[in-house]
Protein backbone atom coordinates (compact mmCIF):
# COMPACT_ATOMS: atom_id res chain seq x y z
CA MET A 1 -150.92 -90.77 -31.11
CA ALA A 2 -149.63 -87.25 -30.65
CA PHE A 3 -153.02 -85.91 -29.53
CA ALA A 4 -154.98 -87.34 -26.64
CA SER A 5 -158.73 -86.84 -26.38
CA ALA A 6 -158.40 -86.35 -22.67
CA ASP A 7 -156.23 -83.28 -23.31
CA PHE A 8 -158.91 -81.82 -25.62
CA ARG A 9 -161.57 -82.50 -22.98
CA ALA A 10 -159.45 -80.78 -20.39
CA GLN A 11 -159.21 -77.70 -22.70
CA ALA A 12 -162.99 -77.78 -23.09
CA ALA A 13 -163.43 -77.79 -19.34
CA LYS A 14 -161.04 -74.83 -18.99
CA CYS A 15 -163.09 -72.88 -21.56
CA GLU A 16 -166.31 -73.78 -19.73
CA ARG A 17 -164.92 -72.62 -16.39
CA ALA A 18 -163.57 -69.41 -17.93
CA SER A 19 -167.05 -68.68 -19.40
CA GLN A 20 -168.39 -68.62 -15.79
CA THR A 21 -165.76 -66.33 -14.43
CA PRO A 22 -167.15 -63.23 -12.79
CA GLY A 23 -166.75 -60.17 -15.06
CA VAL A 24 -166.84 -62.21 -18.29
CA SER A 25 -169.35 -60.67 -20.63
CA VAL A 26 -172.18 -62.66 -22.16
CA ARG A 27 -170.53 -62.35 -25.57
CA GLN A 28 -167.24 -63.63 -24.24
CA ALA A 29 -169.00 -66.46 -22.39
CA ASP A 30 -170.84 -67.50 -25.60
CA MET A 31 -167.56 -67.54 -27.52
CA LEU A 32 -165.80 -69.54 -24.81
CA MET A 33 -168.65 -72.11 -24.85
CA ALA A 34 -168.36 -72.28 -28.63
CA ILE A 35 -164.64 -73.01 -28.28
CA ALA A 36 -165.39 -75.64 -25.59
CA ARG A 37 -167.76 -77.33 -28.01
CA SER A 38 -165.00 -77.29 -30.67
CA TRP A 39 -162.56 -78.94 -28.19
CA LYS A 40 -165.18 -81.60 -27.38
CA THR A 41 -165.69 -82.24 -31.07
CA LEU A 42 -161.93 -82.68 -31.53
CA ALA A 43 -161.88 -85.12 -28.61
CA ASN A 44 -164.67 -87.18 -30.15
CA GLN A 45 -163.06 -87.17 -33.56
CA THR A 46 -159.74 -88.24 -32.02
CA ASP A 47 -161.50 -91.12 -30.21
CA ARG A 48 -163.13 -92.13 -33.46
CA LEU A 49 -159.78 -91.99 -35.35
CA ALA A 50 -158.18 -94.21 -32.71
CA GLU A 51 -161.02 -96.70 -33.19
CA VAL A 52 -160.60 -96.69 -36.95
CA MET A 53 -156.88 -97.07 -36.68
CA HIS A 54 -157.28 -99.97 -34.29
CA ASP A 55 -159.87 -101.67 -36.51
CA GLU A 56 -157.74 -101.28 -39.56
CA THR A 57 -154.73 -102.69 -37.72
CA GLU A 58 -156.82 -105.69 -36.74
CA GLY A 59 -157.98 -106.05 -40.32
CA ALA A 60 -161.64 -105.34 -39.60
CA TYR A 61 -162.86 -102.71 -42.05
């Protein structure tokens, strides 16, 4: 698969760290945390897609 959930989780962690950087405004921090949540959602969806693809390959629908 071209996308790895670990990569998405790493991006989420970067956004979370950036949100805690000194000098980042509350508004910026909120937006960074929202982006982090989106990266986590993509990671979870990617994991689920891999499970579905595996199940379908195995013939278990």
